[in-house]
All heavy atoms as atom14 arrays in JSON, in Angstrom:
{
  "sequence": "AKQHKILVELKQEQAEIQHLQNIYRAARQE",
  "atom14_mask": [
    [1, 1, 1, 1, 1, 0, 0, 0, 0, 0, 0, 0, 0, 0],
    [1, 1, 1, 1, 1, 1, 1, 1, 1, 0, 0, 0, 0, 0],
    [1, 1, 1, 1, 1, 1, 1, 1, 1, 0, 0, 0, 0, 0],
    [1, 1, 1, 1, 1, 1, 1, 1, 1, 1, 0, 0, 0, 0],
    [1, 1, 1, 1, 1, 1, 1, 1, 1, 0, 0, 0, 0, 0],
    [1, 1, 1, 1, 1, 1, 1, 1, 0, 0, 0, 0, 0, 0],
    [1, 1, 1, 1, 1, 1, 1, 1, 0, 0, 0, 0, 0, 0],
    [1, 1, 1, 1, 1, 1, 1, 0, 0, 0, 0, 0, 0, 0],
    [1, 1, 1, 1, 1, 1, 1, 1, 1, 0, 0, 0, 0, 0],
    [1, 1, 1, 1, 1, 1, 1, 1, 0, 0, 0, 0, 0, 0],
    [1, 1, 1, 1, 1, 1, 1, 1, 1, 0, 0, 0, 0, 0],
    [1, 1, 1, 1, 1, 1, 1, 1, 1, 0, 0, 0, 0, 0],
    [1, 1, 1, 1, 1, 1, 1, 1, 1, 0, 0, 0, 0, 0],
    [1, 1, 1, 1, 1, 1, 1, 1, 1, 0, 0, 0, 0, 0],
    [1, 1, 1, 1, 1, 0, 0, 0, 0, 0, 0, 0, 0, 0],
    [1, 1, 1, 1, 1, 1, 1, 1, 1, 0, 0, 0, 0, 0],
    [1, 1, 1, 1, 1, 1, 1, 1, 0, 0, 0, 0, 0, 0],
    [1, 1, 1, 1, 1, 1, 1, 1, 1, 0, 0, 0, 0, 0],
    [1, 1, 1, 1, 1, 1, 1, 1, 1, 1, 0, 0, 0, 0],
    [1, 1, 1, 1, 1, 1, 1, 1, 0, 0, 0, 0, 0, 0],
    [1, 1, 1, 1, 1, 1, 1, 1, 1, 0, 0, 0, 0, 0],
    [1, 1, 1, 1, 1, 1, 1, 1, 0, 0, 0, 0, 0, 0],
    [1, 1, 1, 1, 1, 1, 1, 1, 0, 0, 0, 0, 0, 0],
    [1, 1, 1, 1, 1, 1, 1, 1, 1, 1, 1, 1, 0, 0],
    [1, 1, 1, 1, 1, 1, 1, 1, 1, 1, 1, 0, 0, 0],
    [1, 1, 1, 1, 1, 0, 0, 0, 0, 0, 0, 0, 0, 0],
    [1, 1, 1, 1, 1, 0, 0, 0, 0, 0, 0, 0, 0, 0],
    [1, 1, 1, 1, 1, 1, 1, 1, 1, 1, 1, 0, 0, 0],
    [1, 1, 1, 1, 1, 1, 1, 1, 1, 0, 0, 0, 0, 0],
    [1, 1, 1, 1, 1, 1, 1, 1, 1, 0, 0, 0, 0, 0]
  ],
  "atom14_positions": [
    [[0.86, -1.16, 0.1], [-0.06, -0.05, 0.04], [0.85, 1.24, -0.08], [0.51, 2.28, -0.64], [-0.88, 0.02, 1.22], [0.0, 0.0, 0.0], [0.0, 0.0, 0.0], [0.0, 0.0, 0.0], [0.0, 0.0, 0.0], [0.0, 0.0, 0.0], [0.0, 0.0, 0.0], [0.0, 0.0, 0.0], [0.0, 0.0, 0.0], [0.0, 0.0, 0.0]],
    [[2.02, 1.2, 0.84], [2.92, 2.38, 0.76], [3.56, 2.57, -0.6], [3.77, 3.72, -1.01], [3.92, 2.1, 1.85], [3.42, 2.33, 3.22], [4.53, 2.19, 4.28], [4.08, 2.35, 5.73], [5.06, 2.23, 6.69], [0.0, 0.0, 0.0], [0.0, 0.0, 0.0], [0.0, 0.0, 0.0], [0.0, 0.0, 0.0], [0.0, 0.0, 0.0]],
    [[3.87, 1.42, -1.21], [4.41, 1.59, -2.54], [3.47, 2.18, -3.44], [3.83, 3.04, -4.37], [4.92, 0.16, -3.14], [6.13, -0.44, -2.38], [6.48, -1.78, -2.91], [5.47, -2.68, -3.02], [7.65, -2.11, -3.21], [0.0, 0.0, 0.0], [0.0, 0.0, 0.0], [0.0, 0.0, 0.0], [0.0, 0.0, 0.0], [0.0, 0.0, 0.0]],
    [[2.25, 1.68, -3.38], [1.18, 2.31, -4.35], [1.04, 3.84, -4.07], [0.94, 4.62, -4.93], [-0.15, 1.59, -4.1], [-1.22, 2.15, -4.89], [-1.3, 1.95, -6.24], [-2.35, 2.86, -4.5], [-2.39, 2.56, -6.58], [-3.07, 3.18, -5.71], [0.0, 0.0, 0.0], [0.0, 0.0, 0.0], [0.0, 0.0, 0.0], [0.0, 0.0, 0.0]],
    [[1.03, 4.12, -2.83], [0.9, 5.66, -2.41], [2.03, 6.41, -3.0], [1.87, 7.53, -3.55], [0.88, 5.82, -0.89], [0.68, 7.17, -0.42], [0.69, 7.32, 1.07], [0.74, 8.72, 1.44], [1.05, 8.89, 2.94], [0.0, 0.0, 0.0], [0.0, 0.0, 0.0], [0.0, 0.0, 0.0], [0.0, 0.0, 0.0], [0.0, 0.0, 0.0]],
    [[3.3, 5.96, -2.95], [4.45, 6.55, -3.52], [4.29, 6.76, -5.02], [4.55, 7.86, -5.52], [5.72, 5.85, -3.13], [6.03, 6.0, -1.7], [6.88, 6.39, -3.99], [7.17, 5.05, -1.1], [0.0, 0.0, 0.0], [0.0, 0.0, 0.0], [0.0, 0.0, 0.0], [0.0, 0.0, 0.0], [0.0, 0.0, 0.0], [0.0, 0.0, 0.0]],
    [[3.75, 5.76, -5.66], [3.62, 5.87, -7.17], [2.5, 6.9, -7.46], [2.64, 7.67, -8.42], [3.22, 4.49, -7.7], [4.35, 3.46, -7.77], [3.88, 2.07, -8.14], [5.44, 3.97, -8.65], [0.0, 0.0, 0.0], [0.0, 0.0, 0.0], [0.0, 0.0, 0.0], [0.0, 0.0, 0.0], [0.0, 0.0, 0.0], [0.0, 0.0, 0.0]],
    [[1.51, 6.88, -6.67], [0.37, 7.92, -6.98], [0.95, 9.31, -6.79], [0.67, 10.22, -7.61], [-0.85, 7.6, -6.03], [-1.73, 8.69, -6.07], [-1.46, 6.3, -6.44], [0.0, 0.0, 0.0], [0.0, 0.0, 0.0], [0.0, 0.0, 0.0], [0.0, 0.0, 0.0], [0.0, 0.0, 0.0], [0.0, 0.0, 0.0], [0.0, 0.0, 0.0]],
    [[1.67, 9.53, -5.67], [2.2, 10.83, -5.42], [3.22, 11.25, -6.46], [3.23, 12.47, -6.9], [2.93, 10.81, -4.04], [2.01, 10.79, -2.89], [2.65, 10.56, -1.52], [3.9, 10.42, -1.46], [1.93, 10.62, -0.48], [0.0, 0.0, 0.0], [0.0, 0.0, 0.0], [0.0, 0.0, 0.0], [0.0, 0.0, 0.0], [0.0, 0.0, 0.0]],
    [[4.0, 10.29, -6.95], [4.99, 10.54, -8.06], [4.32, 10.98, -9.3], [4.59, 12.01, -9.88], [5.85, 9.35, -8.4], [6.76, 9.42, -9.59], [7.83, 10.44, -9.35], [7.34, 8.13, -9.86], [0.0, 0.0, 0.0], [0.0, 0.0, 0.0], [0.0, 0.0, 0.0], [0.0, 0.0, 0.0], [0.0, 0.0, 0.0], [0.0, 0.0, 0.0]],
    [[3.2, 10.38, -9.68], [2.4, 10.68, -10.9], [1.79, 12.11, -10.66], [1.74, 12.87, -11.59], [1.36, 9.67, -11.19], [1.86, 8.32, -11.6], [0.77, 7.34, -11.98], [1.39, 6.05, -12.48], [0.38, 5.12, -12.77], [0.0, 0.0, 0.0], [0.0, 0.0, 0.0], [0.0, 0.0, 0.0], [0.0, 0.0, 0.0], [0.0, 0.0, 0.0]],
    [[1.35, 12.38, -9.47], [0.75, 13.7, -9.22], [1.8, 14.78, -9.35], [1.48, 15.89, -9.96], [0.05, 13.72, -7.86], [-1.27, 13.05, -7.73], [-1.68, 12.89, -6.3], [-0.99, 13.23, -5.25], [-2.95, 12.54, -6.13], [0.0, 0.0, 0.0], [0.0, 0.0, 0.0], [0.0, 0.0, 0.0], [0.0, 0.0, 0.0], [0.0, 0.0, 0.0]],
    [[2.96, 14.57, -8.76], [4.03, 15.59, -8.92], [4.48, 15.69, -10.4], [4.67, 16.8, -10.83], [5.19, 15.15, -8.06], [5.02, 15.29, -6.64], [5.12, 16.83, -6.11], [5.75, 17.58, -6.83], [4.56, 17.09, -5.17], [0.0, 0.0, 0.0], [0.0, 0.0, 0.0], [0.0, 0.0, 0.0], [0.0, 0.0, 0.0], [0.0, 0.0, 0.0]],
    [[4.51, 14.64, -11.09], [4.9, 14.75, -12.51], [3.89, 15.47, -13.31], [4.17, 16.27, -14.23], [5.12, 13.33, -13.08], [6.38, 12.65, -12.6], [6.58, 11.25, -13.06], [5.66, 10.53, -13.28], [7.84, 10.84, -13.24], [0.0, 0.0, 0.0], [0.0, 0.0, 0.0], [0.0, 0.0, 0.0], [0.0, 0.0, 0.0], [0.0, 0.0, 0.0]],
    [[2.61, 15.25, -12.97], [1.52, 15.95, -13.67], [1.55, 17.5, -13.35], [1.39, 18.37, -14.36], [0.11, 15.46, -13.29], [0.0, 0.0, 0.0], [0.0, 0.0, 0.0], [0.0, 0.0, 0.0], [0.0, 0.0, 0.0], [0.0, 0.0, 0.0], [0.0, 0.0, 0.0], [0.0, 0.0, 0.0], [0.0, 0.0, 0.0], [0.0, 0.0, 0.0]],
    [[1.94, 17.81, -12.12], [2.1, 19.24, -11.75], [3.27, 19.89, -12.52], [3.16, 20.98, -13.05], [2.27, 19.34, -10.23], [2.52, 20.81, -9.78], [2.81, 20.92, -8.29], [2.46, 20.04, -7.57], [3.41, 22.01, -7.95], [0.0, 0.0, 0.0], [0.0, 0.0, 0.0], [0.0, 0.0, 0.0], [0.0, 0.0, 0.0], [0.0, 0.0, 0.0]],
    [[4.32, 19.17, -12.55], [5.55, 19.63, -13.36], [5.14, 19.87, -14.88], [5.51, 20.91, -15.43], [6.75, 18.66, -13.25], [7.28, 18.8, -11.75], [7.82, 19.07, -14.19], [8.25, 17.7, -11.47], [0.0, 0.0, 0.0], [0.0, 0.0, 0.0], [0.0, 0.0, 0.0], [0.0, 0.0, 0.0], [0.0, 0.0, 0.0], [0.0, 0.0, 0.0]],
    [[4.46, 18.77, -15.38], [3.98, 18.93, -16.78], [3.1, 20.16, -17.03], [3.22, 20.98, -18.03], [3.29, 17.64, -17.26], [2.95, 17.64, -18.75], [4.29, 17.69, -19.59], [5.27, 17.05, -19.33], [4.28, 18.5, -20.6], [0.0, 0.0, 0.0], [0.0, 0.0, 0.0], [0.0, 0.0, 0.0], [0.0, 0.0, 0.0], [0.0, 0.0, 0.0]],
    [[2.23, 20.4, -16.03], [1.34, 21.55, -16.19], [2.12, 22.84, -16.15], [1.9, 23.83, -16.95], [0.37, 21.5, -15.01], [-0.5, 22.77, -14.97], [-1.58, 22.88, -15.88], [-0.5, 23.78, -13.99], [-2.13, 24.08, -15.53], [-1.66, 24.57, -14.43], [0.0, 0.0, 0.0], [0.0, 0.0, 0.0], [0.0, 0.0, 0.0], [0.0, 0.0, 0.0]],
    [[3.2, 23.0, -15.27], [3.98, 24.18, -15.17], [4.77, 24.36, -16.4], [4.82, 25.49, -17.12], [5.02, 24.11, -13.96], [4.27, 24.19, -12.65], [5.28, 23.91, -11.54], [3.71, 25.67, -12.53], [0.0, 0.0, 0.0], [0.0, 0.0, 0.0], [0.0, 0.0, 0.0], [0.0, 0.0, 0.0], [0.0, 0.0, 0.0], [0.0, 0.0, 0.0]],
    [[5.24, 23.27, -17.06], [6.04, 23.32, -18.31], [5.11, 23.79, -19.47], [5.54, 24.59, -20.21], [6.58, 21.93, -18.59], [7.86, 21.63, -17.84], [8.38, 20.22, -18.08], [7.6, 19.27, -18.37], [9.69, 20.12, -17.97], [0.0, 0.0, 0.0], [0.0, 0.0, 0.0], [0.0, 0.0, 0.0], [0.0, 0.0, 0.0], [0.0, 0.0, 0.0]],
    [[3.83, 23.44, -19.42], [2.96, 23.83, -20.41], [2.61, 25.34, -20.28], [2.49, 26.05, -21.28], [1.61, 23.09, -20.38], [1.84, 21.61, -20.76], [2.74, 21.26, -21.53], [0.91, 20.79, -20.35], [0.0, 0.0, 0.0], [0.0, 0.0, 0.0], [0.0, 0.0, 0.0], [0.0, 0.0, 0.0], [0.0, 0.0, 0.0], [0.0, 0.0, 0.0]],
    [[2.43, 25.85, -19.08], [2.36, 27.18, -18.9], [3.49, 28.06, -19.28], [3.27, 29.03, -19.94], [2.08, 27.43, -17.27], [0.68, 26.84, -16.89], [2.1, 28.94, -16.99], [0.47, 26.87, -15.4], [0.0, 0.0, 0.0], [0.0, 0.0, 0.0], [0.0, 0.0, 0.0], [0.0, 0.0, 0.0], [0.0, 0.0, 0.0], [0.0, 0.0, 0.0]],
    [[4.65, 27.61, -19.0], [5.83, 28.4, -19.41], [6.01, 28.33, -20.91], [6.47, 29.28, -21.53], [7.18, 27.76, -18.82], [7.15, 27.96, -17.28], [7.51, 26.95, -16.47], [6.7, 29.14, -16.63], [7.54, 27.09, -15.05], [6.71, 29.35, -15.33], [7.15, 28.34, -14.5], [7.23, 28.49, -13.13], [0.0, 0.0, 0.0], [0.0, 0.0, 0.0]],
    [[5.61, 27.24, -21.54], [5.74, 27.1, -22.98], [4.7, 28.1, -23.61], [5.07, 28.79, -24.6], [5.5, 25.66, -23.51], [5.77, 25.35, -24.98], [5.5, 23.87, -25.28], [6.4, 23.08, -24.43], [5.97, 22.1, -23.65], [4.66, 22.03, -23.42], [6.82, 21.35, -22.9], [0.0, 0.0, 0.0], [0.0, 0.0, 0.0], [0.0, 0.0, 0.0]],
    [[3.5, 28.04, -23.09], [2.41, 29.06, -23.64], [2.91, 30.59, -23.41], [2.77, 31.46, -24.31], [1.11, 28.89, -22.89], [0.0, 0.0, 0.0], [0.0, 0.0, 0.0], [0.0, 0.0, 0.0], [0.0, 0.0, 0.0], [0.0, 0.0, 0.0], [0.0, 0.0, 0.0], [0.0, 0.0, 0.0], [0.0, 0.0, 0.0], [0.0, 0.0, 0.0]],
    [[3.53, 30.92, -22.33], [4.06, 32.21, -22.1], [5.16, 32.53, -23.04], [5.24, 33.68, -23.42], [4.55, 32.23, -20.62], [0.0, 0.0, 0.0], [0.0, 0.0, 0.0], [0.0, 0.0, 0.0], [0.0, 0.0, 0.0], [0.0, 0.0, 0.0], [0.0, 0.0, 0.0], [0.0, 0.0, 0.0], [0.0, 0.0, 0.0], [0.0, 0.0, 0.0]],
    [[5.97, 31.58, -23.34], [7.03, 31.85, -24.33], [6.53, 32.21, -25.65], [6.92, 33.13, -26.29], [7.99, 30.62, -24.37], [9.14, 30.84, -25.43], [10.11, 29.75, -25.32], [11.36, 30.16, -25.99], [11.81, 29.39, -26.94], [11.37, 28.23, -27.2], [13.02, 29.84, -27.55], [0.0, 0.0, 0.0], [0.0, 0.0, 0.0], [0.0, 0.0, 0.0]],
    [[5.43, 31.53, -26.1], [4.82, 31.73, -27.31], [4.15, 33.16, -27.39], [4.2, 33.78, -28.29], [3.71, 30.68, -27.67], [4.29, 29.21, -28.0], [5.27, 29.27, -29.14], [5.01, 29.96, -30.11], [6.33, 28.62, -29.01], [0.0, 0.0, 0.0], [0.0, 0.0, 0.0], [0.0, 0.0, 0.0], [0.0, 0.0, 0.0], [0.0, 0.0, 0.0]],
    [[3.55, 33.5, -26.2], [3.02, 34.73, -26.12], [4.04, 35.98, -26.2], [3.82, 36.99, -26.84], [2.17, 34.93, -24.78], [0.89, 34.28, -24.81], [0.26, 34.26, -23.45], [0.46, 35.23, -22.64], [-0.64, 33.36, -23.16], [0.0, 0.0, 0.0], [0.0, 0.0, 0.0], [0.0, 0.0, 0.0], [0.0, 0.0, 0.0], [0.0, 0.0, 0.0]]
  ]
}
């Protein structure tokens, strides 16, 4: 269960990073 929790948290963090990268990419285009 702890292993599963770590994987879920990792995916959430990676999604947040991807979201920030998308924001920065859009700002660069602007």
